[in-house]
Amino acid sequence: MIRELREARGISMRDLAAKTFVSHSKVQRWENGERPPKERSEAELIDRVLGAGGLLVELWREIGRGSSEINHVSDSASHVSDTSLNLATAVSQAAPSDGEGIFIPARLDDGTVVLVALDRRAVLRAGVGIGAASAAGLAMPTAVAINASEDPFDFARSVTENWSGLRLSRPVPDYGVDWQALLPGGRSMLGSQLSLQIHPARTEAGRVIVSIPDQRRAEEFLTRPNRSLLVGAVTNGAAPHFYVLDGRQARGKLQKNGGVYEVTAPTAYELDDLTYGILWAVANYDDALQADDQALAETRSDLKAYERLSASAVSREAAPGLNTVAHMWLGSDFCARHILRALPDLPEVPAFWTREQRGEEASAWLIFDHKYPYLRETTKALGSTSTRAFCIPENVVRSSPRHERILLFLAVALMEAMGIHTQFTADPSYEAVEGFVVAPDKEAVIANWVRGDGMWHVDVTARSSVVREFTNAAQDVGAHSITAASIPAERLRALAQYLDLSWSWLIQRCAQLARVGSSGLIQSRSRLVSSAGIDTACKYVGSLPADR
């Protein structure tokens, strides 16, 4: 049953393992019945992650601790049928992350247990207190599945299995759009939407050639101003491979070859965790910043008065109406300028501390337009190598999907490429430390915008207790860094190992992407977003030795 629930929800085994804080092999044992959940708390956690509305807890109670395979429910199917269709219970117990959709387990006539999908708002409007779906007046689909004729390239199944938060829908009428893709948001990200058109493709001499039988349909799709991706599907192997090209890029590459129109894309744009992570981060940040472009520019100008102060803590209420990503950009931009103003007055080369822990936060280093210049300016101002410390506990790594861990790795690689010596601690006691720059035992600059109560908190202080706290933190992490090594390549290799990323794969894929650049994969629309950080990081990683 765990496997069926997981696949119906589009959650990969790796993501389920991360969200339940167990190993990939343990999930396998759950699903094949070798070792079902032994504790009620474990069953409750799996139930919440899969949005099963209490079904798995009921099965755990019925089957007994470790006595049978939780995958098979024939012995308790009648009980499942009795309890799982109570919509009031299902809506109240569905995980908060379910958004507007809920999945309700139901039994078919032959006894098979499947999931049916309902719209949460429709359920609430119909009156969930009545209980069953039929009483609520809702049509009950028989299963959650995508017809093979609607997914001829197996695209929907493949991508939703790899990236559980990604949602696909087929518009009717489609107006040239094969799939609408809703990219998930995050702790601050708001989510983004992409229009996709998919065509058969082949690989030749290191490039992908996408065949487009209907030129008019392709042109109609590619000339619209909304964000779009052209997807080439290569299906001549054991598993399909998909290659993506930004719609604006594809529009200029449309050429006729005989009687068929074609578009050529680099094989570096294959859709995997690297390219998905870039698409996810750029689309989320870019769309949110573009949406608030005028208001953001006006607010930044209004807040310039704070630059005359050596210390300030500005709440988000100072920028009402702006979205969370705009608040992030304002905080990041202000902190960067605050540090650059304070650096020349520090009495010696300082140590830096940053609070980014996940790919969502760290990708700001790769994408925000002021971040890459800020790193260059700090390096230039110091005139020597500096250190930058991170606190990333193991539970954060386990709960982060692979594409986010790749973004975090690339952000660190960008710093190493700029001559910054990065250091890491897994000690969670350092999570609450604010972002700072400290001249040991003398003076400190506080500059924090990540996971703070407001948009930013900045200060310049020589108060001994504060300076001593920051000095101790920097020196402790420096002395016990989990990525300690004398050269950048070895530090990054240790980081890749800690983040459970393949070193050789990272080097190979980053080298491929560096040769063609990331702008053809996805073009930014906002003037506040840049691809310079991504391309610099990929170029640097791609130049590192794959072997010791």
Protein backbone atom coordinates (compact mmCIF):
# COMPACT_ATOMS: atom_id res chain seq x y z
CA MET A 1 0.00 0.00 0.00
CA ILE A 2 2.87 2.41 0.73
CA ARG A 3 4.15 2.01 -2.81
CA GLU A 4 0.70 2.61 -4.32
CA LEU A 5 0.13 5.71 -2.21
CA ARG A 6 3.60 7.05 -2.96
CA GLU A 7 3.30 6.55 -6.72
CA ALA A 8 -0.22 8.01 -6.82
CA ARG A 9 1.07 11.10 -5.04
CA GLY A 10 4.03 11.34 -7.45
CA ILE A 11 6.61 11.05 -4.67
CA SER A 12 9.89 9.30 -5.41
CA MET A 13 11.39 6.76 -3.02
CA ARG A 14 14.29 9.13 -2.36
CA ASP A 15 11.95 11.98 -1.42
CA LEU A 16 9.89 9.72 0.84
CA ALA A 17 13.10 8.63 2.57
CA ALA A 18 14.16 12.27 3.03
CA LYS A 19 10.78 13.39 4.35
CA THR A 20 10.56 10.53 6.84
CA PHE A 21 14.24 10.78 7.85
CA VAL A 22 15.16 7.20 6.97
CA SER A 23 17.39 5.54 4.39
CA HIS A 24 16.39 4.69 0.84
CA SER A 25 16.82 0.98 1.66
CA LYS A 26 14.39 1.24 4.57
CA VAL A 27 11.71 2.63 2.26
CA GLN A 28 12.35 -0.33 -0.03
CA ARG A 29 11.83 -2.70 2.92
CA TRP A 30 8.59 -0.93 3.82
CA GLU A 31 7.29 -1.27 0.30
CA ASN A 32 8.25 -4.89 -0.35
CA GLY A 33 6.95 -6.01 3.05
CA GLU A 34 10.30 -7.18 4.44
CA ARG A 35 10.05 -4.82 7.39
CA PRO A 36 6.81 -2.81 7.76
CA PRO A 37 6.76 0.18 10.14
CA LYS A 38 7.17 -1.12 13.67
CA GLU A 39 6.02 1.90 15.65
CA ARG A 40 2.77 3.82 15.47
CA SER A 41 4.70 7.10 15.28
CA GLU A 42 6.51 5.81 12.20
CA ALA A 43 3.22 4.85 10.55
CA GLU A 44 1.76 8.26 11.44
CA LEU A 45 4.73 10.07 9.86
CA ILE A 46 4.46 8.05 6.63
CA ASP A 47 0.70 8.66 6.62
CA ARG A 48 1.19 12.44 6.94
CA VAL A 49 3.86 12.60 4.22
CA LEU A 50 1.70 10.58 1.81
CA GLY A 51 -1.50 12.42 2.75
CA ALA A 52 -3.28 9.12 3.41
CA GLY A 53 -5.82 10.62 5.83
CA GLY A 54 -5.17 8.06 8.55
CA LEU A 55 -5.39 5.01 6.29
CA LEU A 56 -1.88 3.74 7.02
CA VAL A 57 -2.37 4.16 10.75
CA GLU A 58 -5.58 2.13 10.54
CA LEU A 59 -3.80 -0.58 8.56
CA TRP A 60 -0.91 -0.60 11.03
CA ARG A 61 -3.40 -1.12 13.86
CA GLU A 62 -5.23 -3.91 12.00
CA ILE A 63 -2.23 -5.79 10.70
CA GLY A 64 -0.21 -5.58 13.89
CA ARG A 65 3.37 -4.66 14.44
CA GLY A 66 5.48 -6.33 11.72
CA SER A 67 3.06 -9.23 11.26
CA SER A 68 2.25 -8.84 7.57
CA GLU A 69 2.99 -6.87 4.45
CA ILE A 70 1.55 -3.41 4.60
CA ASN A 71 1.59 -3.29 0.78
CA HIS A 72 -1.35 -5.70 0.56
CA VAL A 73 -4.72 -4.81 2.07
CA SER A 74 -6.96 -7.69 1.01
CA ASP A 75 -7.32 -8.92 4.61
CA SER A 76 -8.58 -5.54 5.80
CA ALA A 77 -10.14 -4.12 2.64
CA SER A 78 -13.62 -3.93 4.11
CA HIS A 79 -12.29 -1.88 6.99
CA VAL A 80 -10.51 0.44 4.57
CA SER A 81 -13.74 0.93 2.68
CA ASP A 82 -15.64 1.68 5.87
CA THR A 83 -13.26 4.38 7.06
CA SER A 84 -11.51 5.93 4.10
CA LEU A 85 -14.47 7.55 2.35
CA ASN A 86 -15.43 9.77 5.25
CA LEU A 87 -14.59 13.07 3.62
CA ALA A 88 -14.72 15.09 6.81
CA THR A 89 -11.96 12.93 8.25
CA ALA A 90 -9.98 12.95 5.01
CA VAL A 91 -10.09 16.73 4.63
CA SER A 92 -9.22 17.37 8.25
CA GLN A 93 -6.34 14.87 8.29
CA ALA A 94 -4.91 15.58 4.82
CA ALA A 95 -1.40 17.00 5.04
CA PRO A 96 -1.27 20.84 4.91
CA SER A 97 1.09 20.61 1.92
CA ASP A 98 -1.64 19.00 -0.16
CA GLY A 99 -2.73 22.41 -1.43
CA GLU A 100 -6.14 22.34 -3.11
CA GLY A 101 -6.12 18.64 -3.95
CA ILE A 102 -6.78 15.68 -1.67
CA PHE A 103 -6.49 11.97 -2.36
CA ILE A 104 -9.09 9.63 -0.86
CA PRO A 105 -8.50 5.85 -0.69
CA ALA A 106 -11.49 3.89 -2.02
CA ARG A 107 -12.29 0.26 -2.81
CA LEU A 108 -13.40 -0.82 -6.28
CA ASP A 109 -15.96 -3.55 -6.89
CA ASP A 110 -13.24 -6.18 -7.24
CA GLY A 111 -11.75 -5.21 -3.89
CA THR A 112 -8.79 -3.25 -5.30
CA VAL A 113 -7.90 -0.20 -3.23
CA VAL A 114 -7.12 2.89 -5.33
CA LEU A 115 -6.88 6.62 -4.75
CA VAL A 116 -9.41 9.10 -6.06
CA ALA A 117 -8.61 12.78 -6.44
CA LEU A 118 -10.94 15.51 -5.25
CA ASP A 119 -10.70 19.26 -5.13
CA ARG A 120 -10.51 20.36 -1.48
CA ARG A 121 -12.57 23.49 -2.07
CA ALA A 122 -15.29 21.54 -3.89
CA VAL A 123 -15.45 19.10 -0.99
CA LEU A 124 -15.80 21.90 1.52
CA ARG A 125 -18.46 23.67 -0.56
CA ALA A 126 -20.44 20.44 -0.82
CA GLY A 127 -20.48 19.94 2.95
CA VAL A 128 -17.99 17.44 4.25
CA GLY A 129 -19.92 16.86 7.45
CA ILE A 130 -22.33 14.61 5.55
CA GLY A 131 -19.58 12.00 5.29
CA ALA A 132 -19.41 9.97 2.10
CA ALA A 133 -18.66 11.33 -1.36
CA SER A 134 -22.00 10.25 -2.74
CA ALA A 135 -23.78 12.10 0.05
CA ALA A 136 -21.68 15.16 -0.66
CA GLY A 137 -22.90 15.13 -4.24
CA LEU A 138 -19.46 14.74 -5.79
CA ALA A 139 -18.57 12.60 -8.76
CA MET A 140 -16.00 10.01 -7.76
CA PRO A 141 -13.38 9.16 -10.37
CA THR A 142 -12.30 5.54 -10.26
CA ALA A 143 -8.52 6.05 -10.16
CA VAL A 144 -5.68 8.53 -10.47
CA ALA A 145 -3.93 7.70 -13.73
CA ILE A 146 -2.76 9.27 -16.97
CA ASN A 147 -3.92 7.57 -20.12
CA ALA A 148 -1.06 6.35 -22.31
CA SER A 149 -2.57 8.13 -25.31
CA GLU A 150 -2.38 11.42 -23.39
CA ASP A 151 1.27 10.81 -22.48
CA PRO A 152 2.80 9.16 -25.55
CA PHE A 153 6.39 9.96 -24.54
CA ASP A 154 5.89 8.88 -20.91
CA PHE A 155 6.82 12.42 -19.93
CA ALA A 156 4.27 13.01 -17.19
CA ARG A 157 5.01 9.77 -15.39
CA SER A 158 8.77 10.24 -15.62
CA VAL A 159 9.00 13.81 -14.36
CA THR A 160 6.42 13.54 -11.59
CA GLU A 161 8.14 10.41 -10.32
CA ASN A 162 11.50 12.19 -10.23
CA TRP A 163 10.24 15.48 -8.74
CA SER A 164 7.33 14.89 -6.43
CA GLY A 165 6.31 18.53 -6.04
CA LEU A 166 5.90 19.08 -9.78
CA ARG A 167 2.29 19.13 -10.99
CA LEU A 168 1.20 18.68 -14.60
CA SER A 169 -2.15 19.29 -16.24
CA ARG A 170 -3.42 19.07 -19.81
CA PRO A 171 -5.35 22.21 -20.80
CA VAL A 172 -8.59 21.77 -22.74
CA PRO A 173 -8.64 23.26 -25.29
CA ASP A 174 -4.86 23.21 -25.40
CA TYR A 175 -4.11 26.16 -27.76
CA GLY A 176 -0.78 24.56 -28.60
CA VAL A 177 0.14 23.65 -24.99
CA ASP A 178 0.74 19.96 -24.31
CA TRP A 179 1.25 20.38 -20.56
CA GLN A 180 0.98 23.13 -18.01
CA ALA A 181 3.66 22.58 -15.40
CA LEU A 182 3.25 24.05 -11.93
CA LEU A 183 6.66 24.23 -10.28
CA PRO A 184 6.43 24.01 -6.50
CA GLY A 185 7.34 26.91 -4.27
CA GLY A 186 9.30 26.60 -1.05
CA ARG A 187 9.67 28.25 2.30
CA SER A 188 9.72 31.66 0.61
CA MET A 189 9.32 30.84 -3.07
CA LEU A 190 5.80 31.16 -4.40
CA GLY A 191 5.78 28.61 -7.22
CA SER A 192 5.86 29.20 -10.96
CA GLN A 193 4.08 28.01 -14.08
CA LEU A 194 5.56 26.82 -17.36
CA SER A 195 3.86 25.94 -20.64
CA LEU A 196 5.34 22.87 -22.34
CA GLN A 197 5.17 21.55 -25.88
CA ILE A 198 6.71 18.12 -26.49
CA HIS A 199 7.99 16.65 -29.74
CA PRO A 200 9.99 13.58 -30.75
CA ALA A 201 13.74 14.09 -30.91
CA ARG A 202 16.96 12.31 -31.79
CA THR A 203 20.58 12.82 -30.76
CA GLU A 204 23.30 13.40 -33.33
CA ALA A 205 26.93 14.41 -32.80
CA GLY A 206 26.44 15.73 -29.30
CA ARG A 207 23.26 17.66 -29.98
CA VAL A 208 19.53 17.05 -29.84
CA ILE A 209 17.39 17.59 -32.91
CA VAL A 210 13.72 18.13 -32.14
CA SER A 211 11.34 17.29 -35.00
CA ILE A 212 8.27 19.53 -35.28
CA PRO A 213 5.64 18.21 -37.69
CA ASP A 214 3.25 21.13 -37.23
CA GLN A 215 5.06 24.43 -37.76
CA ARG A 216 1.97 26.56 -37.18
CA ARG A 217 1.25 24.96 -33.83
CA ALA A 218 4.87 25.40 -32.74
CA GLU A 219 4.98 29.06 -33.81
CA GLU A 220 1.70 29.75 -32.05
CA PHE A 221 3.19 28.26 -28.90
CA LEU A 222 6.62 29.93 -29.11
CA THR A 223 5.47 33.47 -29.95
CA ARG A 224 3.44 33.95 -26.77
CA PRO A 225 4.96 36.19 -24.09
CA ASN A 226 4.45 33.73 -21.21
CA ARG A 227 7.30 31.47 -20.10
CA SER A 228 7.45 28.33 -22.21
CA LEU A 229 9.73 25.35 -22.75
CA LEU A 230 10.12 23.22 -25.85
CA VAL A 231 10.77 19.62 -24.85
CA GLY A 232 12.45 17.04 -27.06
CA ALA A 233 11.75 13.40 -26.20
CA VAL A 234 14.29 10.73 -27.14
CA THR A 235 12.61 7.36 -26.62
CA ASN A 236 14.84 4.89 -28.45
CA GLY A 237 16.54 3.60 -25.29
CA ALA A 238 15.51 1.63 -22.26
CA ALA A 239 14.17 4.81 -20.64
CA PRO A 240 13.09 8.09 -22.22
CA HIS A 241 15.35 11.13 -22.09
CA PHE A 242 13.99 14.67 -22.22
CA TYR A 243 15.78 17.83 -23.33
CA VAL A 244 14.42 21.31 -22.68
CA LEU A 245 14.96 24.63 -24.43
CA ASP A 246 13.64 28.03 -23.42
CA GLY A 247 10.77 29.06 -25.70
CA ARG A 248 12.43 32.31 -26.72
CA GLN A 249 15.60 30.47 -27.66
CA ALA A 250 13.65 27.85 -29.58
CA ARG A 251 11.77 30.50 -31.55
CA GLY A 252 14.99 31.73 -33.14
CA LYS A 253 16.23 28.21 -33.92
CA LEU A 254 13.24 26.92 -35.89
CA GLN A 255 14.51 25.74 -39.29
CA LYS A 256 13.12 23.66 -42.12
CA ASN A 257 14.89 20.43 -43.03
CA GLY A 258 13.20 18.80 -46.01
CA GLY A 259 9.52 18.72 -45.20
CA VAL A 260 9.96 18.88 -41.42
CA TYR A 261 10.79 21.79 -39.16
CA GLU A 262 13.48 21.21 -36.57
CA VAL A 263 15.03 22.86 -33.55
CA THR A 264 18.51 21.99 -32.30
CA ALA A 265 19.42 22.00 -28.62
CA PRO A 266 22.57 20.96 -26.74
CA THR A 267 22.57 17.61 -24.95
CA ALA A 268 23.67 19.56 -21.86
CA TYR A 269 20.03 20.61 -21.51
CA GLU A 270 18.89 17.12 -20.60
CA LEU A 271 16.30 17.29 -17.86
CA ASP A 272 17.85 15.93 -14.67
CA ASP A 273 18.35 17.16 -11.13
CA LEU A 274 20.90 19.78 -12.22
CA THR A 275 18.77 21.37 -14.93
CA TYR A 276 15.52 20.92 -12.99
CA GLY A 277 17.07 22.70 -10.02
CA ILE A 278 18.12 25.62 -12.22
CA LEU A 279 14.69 25.77 -13.87
CA TRP A 280 13.00 25.61 -10.47
CA ALA A 281 15.09 28.34 -8.87
CA VAL A 282 15.27 30.75 -11.81
CA ALA A 283 11.57 30.49 -12.65
CA ASN A 284 10.54 30.98 -9.03
CA TYR A 285 12.78 33.95 -8.36
CA ASP A 286 12.40 35.50 -11.78
CA ASP A 287 8.60 35.41 -11.89
CA ALA A 288 8.18 36.70 -8.35
CA LEU A 289 10.59 39.61 -8.84
CA GLN A 290 9.11 40.54 -12.20
CA ALA A 291 5.62 40.51 -10.70
CA ASP A 292 6.62 43.19 -8.16
CA ASP A 293 9.10 45.04 -10.36
CA GLN A 294 7.74 48.59 -10.12
CA ALA A 295 6.70 48.39 -6.49
CA LEU A 296 10.05 46.82 -5.60
CA ALA A 297 11.99 49.65 -7.26
CA GLU A 298 9.90 52.25 -5.45
CA THR A 299 10.27 50.50 -2.10
CA ARG A 300 14.05 50.20 -2.48
CA SER A 301 14.22 53.93 -3.07
CA ASP A 302 12.00 54.64 -0.06
CA LEU A 303 14.22 52.50 2.20
CA LYS A 304 17.48 54.24 1.25
CA ALA A 305 17.24 56.38 4.37
CA TYR A 306 18.32 53.33 6.40
CA GLU A 307 21.71 53.40 4.67
CA ARG A 308 22.68 56.40 6.80
CA LEU A 309 22.33 54.29 9.94
CA SER A 310 24.99 51.92 11.23
CA ALA A 311 22.29 49.68 12.68
CA SER A 312 18.74 48.90 11.62
CA ALA A 313 16.18 46.11 11.85
CA VAL A 314 13.43 46.53 9.27
CA SER A 315 10.26 44.48 9.34
CA ARG A 316 8.40 43.23 6.31
CA GLU A 317 5.65 45.66 7.17
CA ALA A 318 7.94 48.39 5.82
CA ALA A 319 7.28 46.92 2.36
CA PRO A 320 3.56 46.07 2.42
CA GLY A 321 2.13 44.33 -0.59
CA LEU A 322 5.45 42.91 -1.81
CA ASN A 323 5.75 39.15 -2.09
CA THR A 324 8.16 37.09 0.00
CA VAL A 325 10.79 36.81 -2.76
CA ALA A 326 10.81 40.61 -3.16
CA HIS A 327 11.38 40.86 0.60
CA MET A 328 14.28 38.40 0.25
CA TRP A 329 15.83 40.45 -2.55
CA LEU A 330 15.53 43.71 -0.61
CA GLY A 331 17.11 42.14 2.48
CA SER A 332 19.92 40.51 0.54
CA ASP A 333 20.68 43.67 -1.41
CA PHE A 334 20.71 45.88 1.70
CA CYS A 335 22.95 43.48 3.64
CA ALA A 336 25.42 43.26 0.76
CA ARG A 337 25.74 47.04 0.57
CA HIS A 338 25.98 47.31 4.36
CA ILE A 339 28.93 44.90 4.44
CA LEU A 340 30.72 46.63 1.56
CA ARG A 341 30.43 49.97 3.36
CA ALA A 342 31.80 48.51 6.61
CA LEU A 343 34.65 46.35 5.25
CA PRO A 344 37.27 49.11 4.75
CA ASP A 345 37.04 50.08 8.43
CA LEU A 346 37.64 46.59 9.85
CA PRO A 347 41.06 46.36 11.52
CA GLU A 348 42.06 43.03 9.95
CA VAL A 349 40.96 40.37 7.46
CA PRO A 350 37.62 39.14 8.73
CA ALA A 351 35.82 35.80 8.78
CA PHE A 352 32.34 35.56 7.24
CA TRP A 353 29.37 33.55 8.49
CA THR A 354 26.31 32.86 6.34
CA ARG A 355 22.97 31.30 7.30
CA GLU A 356 21.99 29.63 4.02
CA GLN A 357 21.26 25.94 4.55
CA ARG A 358 19.10 24.82 1.63
CA GLY A 359 19.19 25.20 -2.11
CA GLU A 360 16.28 27.64 -2.05
CA GLU A 361 18.23 30.11 0.09
CA ALA A 362 21.64 29.39 -1.40
CA SER A 363 20.45 29.78 -5.00
CA ALA A 364 20.14 33.51 -4.32
CA TRP A 365 23.96 33.59 -4.58
CA LEU A 366 23.65 32.14 -8.07
CA ILE A 367 20.68 34.16 -9.31
CA PHE A 368 20.18 37.55 -7.60
CA ASP A 369 21.82 40.18 -9.78
CA HIS A 370 23.80 41.83 -6.94
CA LYS A 371 25.30 38.66 -5.44
CA TYR A 372 28.01 37.88 -7.98
CA PRO A 373 29.29 41.51 -8.06
CA TYR A 374 29.17 41.55 -4.25
CA LEU A 375 31.49 38.52 -4.05
CA ARG A 376 33.89 40.16 -6.49
CA GLU A 377 33.87 43.43 -4.58
CA THR A 378 34.46 41.80 -1.18
CA THR A 379 37.39 39.82 -2.57
CA LYS A 380 38.82 42.96 -4.13
CA ALA A 381 38.32 45.01 -0.96
CA LEU A 382 40.05 42.43 1.23
CA GLY A 383 42.92 41.82 -1.14
CA SER A 384 43.39 38.31 0.22
CA THR A 385 41.62 35.00 0.77
CA SER A 386 38.78 35.09 3.26
CA THR A 387 36.78 32.35 4.98
CA ARG A 388 33.02 31.81 4.94
CA ALA A 389 31.35 29.37 7.34
CA PHE A 390 28.05 27.50 7.02
CA CYS A 391 25.98 25.49 9.50
CA ILE A 392 24.16 22.64 7.73
CA PRO A 393 23.01 19.90 10.13
CA GLU A 394 22.46 16.35 8.90
CA ASN A 395 18.68 16.54 9.25
CA VAL A 396 18.66 19.49 6.84
CA VAL A 397 20.60 17.46 4.30
CA ARG A 398 18.28 14.46 4.69
CA SER A 399 15.17 16.58 4.24
CA SER A 400 16.43 18.46 1.17
CA PRO A 401 15.64 17.04 -2.29
CA ARG A 402 18.59 16.34 -4.54
CA HIS A 403 18.06 19.32 -6.84
CA GLU A 404 18.23 21.66 -3.84
CA ARG A 405 21.42 20.03 -2.58
CA ILE A 406 22.93 20.58 -6.03
CA LEU A 407 22.02 24.28 -5.91
CA LEU A 408 23.65 24.57 -2.48
CA PHE A 409 26.77 22.86 -3.83
CA LEU A 410 26.93 25.24 -6.81
CA ALA A 411 26.59 28.30 -4.55
CA VAL A 412 29.55 27.10 -2.49
CA ALA A 413 31.49 26.33 -5.67
CA LEU A 414 30.91 29.91 -6.81
CA MET A 415 32.51 31.16 -3.60
CA GLU A 416 35.48 28.82 -3.96
CA ALA A 417 35.87 30.03 -7.54
CA MET A 418 36.20 33.58 -6.16
CA GLY A 419 39.00 32.53 -3.80
CA ILE A 420 36.82 32.17 -0.70
CA HIS A 421 37.72 29.31 1.65
CA THR A 422 34.44 27.68 2.71
CA GLN A 423 33.97 25.82 6.00
CA PHE A 424 31.07 23.73 7.32
CA THR A 425 29.69 22.50 10.61
CA ALA A 426 26.86 20.03 11.16
CA ASP A 427 26.37 21.16 14.78
CA PRO A 428 22.73 22.36 15.05
CA SER A 429 23.59 24.57 18.02
CA TYR A 430 24.98 27.08 15.50
CA GLU A 431 21.76 27.35 13.48
CA ALA A 432 20.57 30.42 15.36
CA VAL A 433 23.77 32.42 14.80
CA GLU A 434 23.08 35.46 12.64
CA GLY A 435 25.00 36.27 9.48
CA PHE A 436 28.13 38.20 10.42
CA VAL A 437 31.58 39.40 9.41
CA VAL A 438 34.04 39.45 12.29
CA ALA A 439 37.51 40.79 12.77
CA PRO A 440 38.44 38.33 15.55
CA ASP A 441 38.22 39.81 19.05
CA LYS A 442 37.96 43.36 17.69
CA GLU A 443 34.86 44.27 15.72
CA ALA A 444 31.87 42.64 14.04
CA VAL A 445 29.46 43.50 11.27
CA ILE A 446 26.02 41.91 11.57
CA ALA A 447 24.15 41.47 8.30
CA ASN A 448 21.29 38.99 8.32
CA TRP A 449 18.33 38.51 5.97
CA VAL A 450 18.01 34.71 5.95
CA ARG A 451 15.36 33.16 8.24
CA GLY A 452 15.06 36.36 10.24
CA ASP A 453 11.99 37.99 11.74
CA GLY A 454 12.17 40.92 9.33
CA MET A 455 13.64 41.83 5.97
CA TRP A 456 17.03 42.49 7.50
CA HIS A 457 19.00 43.15 10.67
CA VAL A 458 22.32 44.99 10.35
CA ASP A 459 24.75 46.49 12.82
CA VAL A 460 28.40 47.38 13.35
CA THR A 461 29.59 46.66 16.89
CA ALA A 462 32.68 46.36 19.04
CA ARG A 463 30.71 45.07 22.04
CA SER A 464 32.94 42.42 23.57
CA SER A 465 30.25 39.80 24.26
CA VAL A 466 28.98 39.88 20.66
CA VAL A 467 32.43 39.95 19.10
CA ARG A 468 33.58 37.07 21.33
CA GLU A 469 30.52 34.95 20.40
CA PHE A 470 31.15 35.43 16.69
CA THR A 471 34.89 34.91 17.03
CA ASN A 472 34.39 31.63 18.90
CA ALA A 473 31.88 30.37 16.33
CA ALA A 474 34.15 31.19 13.39
CA GLN A 475 37.23 29.69 15.03
CA ASP A 476 35.42 26.53 16.15
CA VAL A 477 34.03 25.81 12.68
CA GLY A 478 37.38 26.64 11.13
CA ALA A 479 39.14 24.17 13.41
CA HIS A 480 36.61 21.36 12.93
CA SER A 481 35.19 21.91 9.46
CA ILE A 482 33.66 18.73 8.01
CA THR A 483 35.08 19.76 4.62
CA ALA A 484 38.56 20.62 5.87
CA ALA A 485 41.18 20.42 3.12
CA SER A 486 44.03 22.56 1.85
CA ILE A 487 42.73 23.01 -1.71
CA PRO A 488 39.28 24.00 -3.07
CA ALA A 489 38.77 20.82 -5.10
CA GLU A 490 39.12 18.62 -2.01
CA ARG A 491 36.84 20.86 0.04
CA LEU A 492 34.18 20.66 -2.65
CA ARG A 493 34.65 16.91 -2.98
CA ALA A 494 34.06 16.55 0.77
CA LEU A 495 30.98 18.75 0.52
CA ALA A 496 29.61 16.64 -2.35
CA GLN A 497 30.07 13.54 -0.22
CA TYR A 498 28.32 15.14 2.75
CA LEU A 499 25.41 16.20 0.52
CA ASP A 500 25.25 12.69 -1.01
CA LEU A 501 26.06 13.92 -4.53
CA SER A 502 28.19 12.08 -7.08
CA TRP A 503 31.46 13.95 -7.57
CA SER A 504 32.20 12.60 -11.04
CA TRP A 505 28.62 13.26 -12.18
CA LEU A 506 28.76 16.86 -10.94
CA ILE A 507 31.97 17.53 -12.81
CA GLN A 508 30.70 15.93 -16.01
CA ARG A 509 27.33 17.70 -16.02
CA CYS A 510 28.71 21.08 -14.95
CA ALA A 511 31.34 20.91 -17.70
CA GLN A 512 28.65 20.15 -20.27
CA LEU A 513 26.45 23.02 -19.12
CA ALA A 514 29.37 25.45 -18.85
CA ARG A 515 30.23 24.94 -22.53
CA VAL A 516 26.83 26.19 -23.70
CA GLY A 517 25.69 28.41 -20.81
CA SER A 518 22.42 28.26 -18.91
CA SER A 519 20.53 31.09 -20.63
CA GLY A 520 19.28 28.79 -23.40
CA LEU A 521 17.84 26.49 -20.78
CA ILE A 522 15.80 29.27 -19.21
CA GLN A 523 16.00 33.00 -19.86
CA SER A 524 15.37 35.47 -17.07
CA ARG A 525 12.75 38.17 -17.56
CA SER A 526 13.49 40.29 -14.50
CA ARG A 527 16.37 42.76 -14.54
CA LEU A 528 17.14 41.62 -10.98
CA VAL A 529 18.05 38.08 -12.04
CA SER A 530 21.32 37.05 -13.66
CA SER A 531 22.82 33.80 -14.95
CA ALA A 532 26.42 34.91 -14.24
CA GLY A 533 26.65 33.06 -10.94
CA ILE A 534 25.28 29.79 -12.34
CA ASP A 535 27.61 29.86 -15.33
CA THR A 536 30.68 30.76 -13.25
CA ALA A 537 29.99 27.98 -10.75
CA CYS A 538 29.41 25.38 -13.48
CA LYS A 539 32.56 26.43 -15.32
CA TYR A 540 34.62 26.13 -12.14
CA VAL A 541 33.23 22.74 -11.12
CA GLY A 542 33.61 21.45 -14.67
CA SER A 543 37.32 22.33 -14.59
CA LEU A 544 38.06 20.30 -11.46
CA PRO A 545 39.73 16.86 -11.62
CA ALA A 546 37.29 13.96 -11.51
CA ASP A 547 39.82 11.61 -9.88
CA ARG A 548 42.23 12.05 -7.04
